[in-house]
C-alpha atoms as a PDB file:
ATOM      1  CA  UNK A   1      34.453   4.264 -31.830  1.00  0.00           C
ATOM      2  CA  UNK A   2      30.948   3.448 -31.049  1.00  0.00           C
ATOM      3  CA  UNK A   3      29.804   2.338 -27.491  1.00  0.00           C
ATOM      4  CA  UNK A   4      26.967  -0.392 -27.074  1.00  0.00           C
ATOM      5  CA  UNK A   5      24.461   1.281 -24.541  1.00  0.00           C
ATOM      6  CA  UNK A   6      21.928  -1.365 -24.865  1.00  0.00           C
ATOM      7  CA  UNK A   7      22.825  -3.404 -21.678  1.00  0.00           C
ATOM      8  CA  UNK A   8      23.095  -0.476 -19.493  1.00  0.00           C
ATOM      9  CA  UNK A   9      20.181   0.944 -17.356  1.00  0.00           C
ATOM     10  CA  UNK A  10      18.813   4.390 -18.369  1.00  0.00           C
ATOM     11  CA  UNK A  11      19.473   6.370 -15.104  1.00  0.00           C
ATOM     12  CA  UNK A  12      18.280   9.414 -16.665  1.00  0.00           C
ATOM     13  CA  UNK A  13      14.601   8.055 -16.738  1.00  0.00           C
ATOM     14  CA  UNK A  14      14.712   7.492 -12.928  1.00  0.00           C
ATOM     15  CA  UNK A  15      14.343  10.978 -11.720  1.00  0.00           C
ATOM     16  CA  UNK A  16      11.504  11.378 -14.052  1.00  0.00           C
ATOM     17  CA  UNK A  17       9.691   8.426 -12.706  1.00  0.00           C
ATOM     18  CA  UNK A  18      10.444   9.545  -9.005  1.00  0.00           C
ATOM     19  CA  UNK A  19       9.233  13.059 -10.025  1.00  0.00           C
ATOM     20  CA  UNK A  20       6.199  11.690 -11.633  1.00  0.00           C
ATOM     21  CA  UNK A  21       5.244   9.428  -8.816  1.00  0.00           C
ATOM     22  CA  UNK A  22       5.603  12.459  -6.239  1.00  0.00           C
ATOM     23  CA  UNK A  23       3.420  14.655  -8.469  1.00  0.00           C
ATOM     24  CA  UNK A  24       0.649  12.043  -8.878  1.00  0.00           C
ATOM     25  CA  UNK A  25       0.860  11.309  -5.091  1.00  0.00           C
ATOM     26  CA  UNK A  26       0.459  14.985  -4.211  1.00  0.00           C
ATOM     27  CA  UNK A  27      -2.154  15.584  -6.506  1.00  0.00           C
ATOM     28  CA  UNK A  28      -4.238  12.528  -5.238  1.00  0.00           C
ATOM     29  CA  UNK A  29      -3.878  13.582  -1.938  1.00  0.00           C
ATOM     30  CA  UNK A  30      -5.056  17.424  -2.366  1.00  0.00           C
ATOM     31  CA  UNK A  31      -7.851  15.937  -4.866  1.00  0.00           C
ATOM     32  CA  UNK A  32      -9.167  13.487  -1.755  1.00  0.00           C
ATOM     33  CA  UNK A  33      -9.009  16.238   0.709  1.00  0.00           C
ATOM     34  CA  UNK A  34     -10.945  18.593  -1.543  1.00  0.00           C
ATOM     35  CA  UNK A  35     -13.540  15.874  -2.415  1.00  0.00           C
ATOM     36  CA  UNK A  36     -14.004  14.933   1.405  1.00  0.00           C
ATOM     37  CA  UNK A  37     -14.360  18.736   2.134  1.00  0.00           C
ATOM     38  CA  UNK A  38     -16.985  19.011  -0.823  1.00  0.00           C
ATOM     39  CA  UNK A  39     -18.990  15.772  -0.532  1.00  0.00           C
ATOM     40  CA  UNK A  40     -18.363  15.122   3.282  1.00  0.00           C
ATOM     41  CA  UNK A  41     -18.988  11.344   2.921  1.00  0.00           C
ATOM     42  CA  UNK A  42     -15.664   9.676   2.958  1.00  0.00           C
ATOM     43  CA  UNK A  43     -17.084   5.964   2.552  1.00  0.00           C
ATOM     44  CA  UNK A  44     -18.888   7.354  -0.628  1.00  0.00           C
ATOM     45  CA  UNK A  45     -15.555   8.651  -1.975  1.00  0.00           C
ATOM     46  CA  UNK A  46     -13.752   5.587  -1.093  1.00  0.00           C
ATOM     47  CA  UNK A  47     -16.226   3.399  -2.629  1.00  0.00           C
ATOM     48  CA  UNK A  48     -16.057   5.614  -5.719  1.00  0.00           C
ATOM     49  CA  UNK A  49     -12.415   5.392  -6.068  1.00  0.00           C
ATOM     50  CA  UNK A  50     -12.187   1.536  -5.463  1.00  0.00           C
ATOM     51  CA  UNK A  51     -15.113   1.029  -7.974  1.00  0.00           C
ATOM     52  CA  UNK A  52     -13.292   3.380 -10.468  1.00  0.00           C
ATOM     53  CA  UNK A  53     -10.077   1.488 -10.043  1.00  0.00           C
ATOM     54  CA  UNK A  54     -11.835  -1.912 -10.595  1.00  0.00           C
ATOM     55  CA  UNK A  55     -13.491  -0.638 -13.778  1.00  0.00           C
ATOM     56  CA  UNK A  56     -10.176   0.718 -15.010  1.00  0.00           C
ATOM     57  CA  UNK A  57      -8.402  -2.442 -14.119  1.00  0.00           C
ATOM     58  CA  UNK A  58     -11.110  -4.877 -15.816  1.00  0.00           C
ATOM     59  CA  UNK A  59     -11.247  -2.609 -19.010  1.00  0.00           C
ATOM     60  CA  UNK A  60      -7.162  -2.857 -19.450  1.00  0.00           C
ATOM     61  CA  UNK A  61      -7.627  -6.606 -18.795  1.00  0.00           C
ATOM     62  CA  UNK A  62     -10.457  -7.086 -21.462  1.00  0.00           C
ATOM     63  CA  UNK A  63      -8.316  -5.121 -23.909  1.00  0.00           C
ATOM     64  CA  UNK A  64      -5.214  -7.307 -23.036  1.00  0.00           C
ATOM     65  CA  UNK A  65      -2.989  -4.656 -21.956  1.00  0.00           C
ATOM     66  CA  UNK A  66      -2.651  -6.191 -18.458  1.00  0.00           C
ATOM     67  CA  UNK A  67      -3.191  -9.446 -16.682  1.00  0.00           C
ATOM     68  CA  UNK A  68      -5.610  -9.464 -13.991  1.00  0.00           C
ATOM     69  CA  UNK A  69      -6.515 -12.138 -11.498  1.00  0.00           C
ATOM     70  CA  UNK A  70     -10.326 -12.986 -11.369  1.00  0.00           C
ATOM     71  CA  UNK A  71     -12.389 -11.438  -8.575  1.00  0.00           C
ATOM     72  CA  UNK A  72     -12.319 -13.569  -5.421  1.00  0.00           C
ATOM     73  CA  UNK A  73     -15.259 -13.578  -3.011  1.00  0.00           C
ATOM     74  CA  UNK A  74     -13.054 -13.891  -0.057  1.00  0.00           C
ATOM     75  CA  UNK A  75     -11.323 -10.830  -1.018  1.00  0.00           C
ATOM     76  CA  UNK A  76     -14.330  -8.879  -1.830  1.00  0.00           C
ATOM     77  CA  UNK A  77     -15.977  -9.603   1.734  1.00  0.00           C
ATOM     78  CA  UNK A  78     -12.937  -7.890   3.351  1.00  0.00           C
ATOM     79  CA  UNK A  79     -13.831  -4.741   1.754  1.00  0.00           C
ATOM     80  CA  UNK A  80     -17.799  -4.838   2.510  1.00  0.00           C
ATOM     81  CA  UNK A  81     -17.387  -3.017   6.004  1.00  0.00           C
ATOM     82  CA  UNK A  82     -16.016  -0.149   4.487  1.00  0.00           C
END
């Protein structure tokens, strides 16, 4: 007798997702602290992170792997003071 498991959620993957998120978050926190300690320019580090994220998102959108909203001037203006 076989059981159909196709409709049941995979509970075994949830701890791995949570653990991966925790590891990624903790690593980013440590790397950010170290980067600010070494560079001593928090605004530059924030700009670099935002620009790097924008480049990666646009690259994934260009290859069709994700859908991305177009860049809006009003949203960009909100980040200008940073």
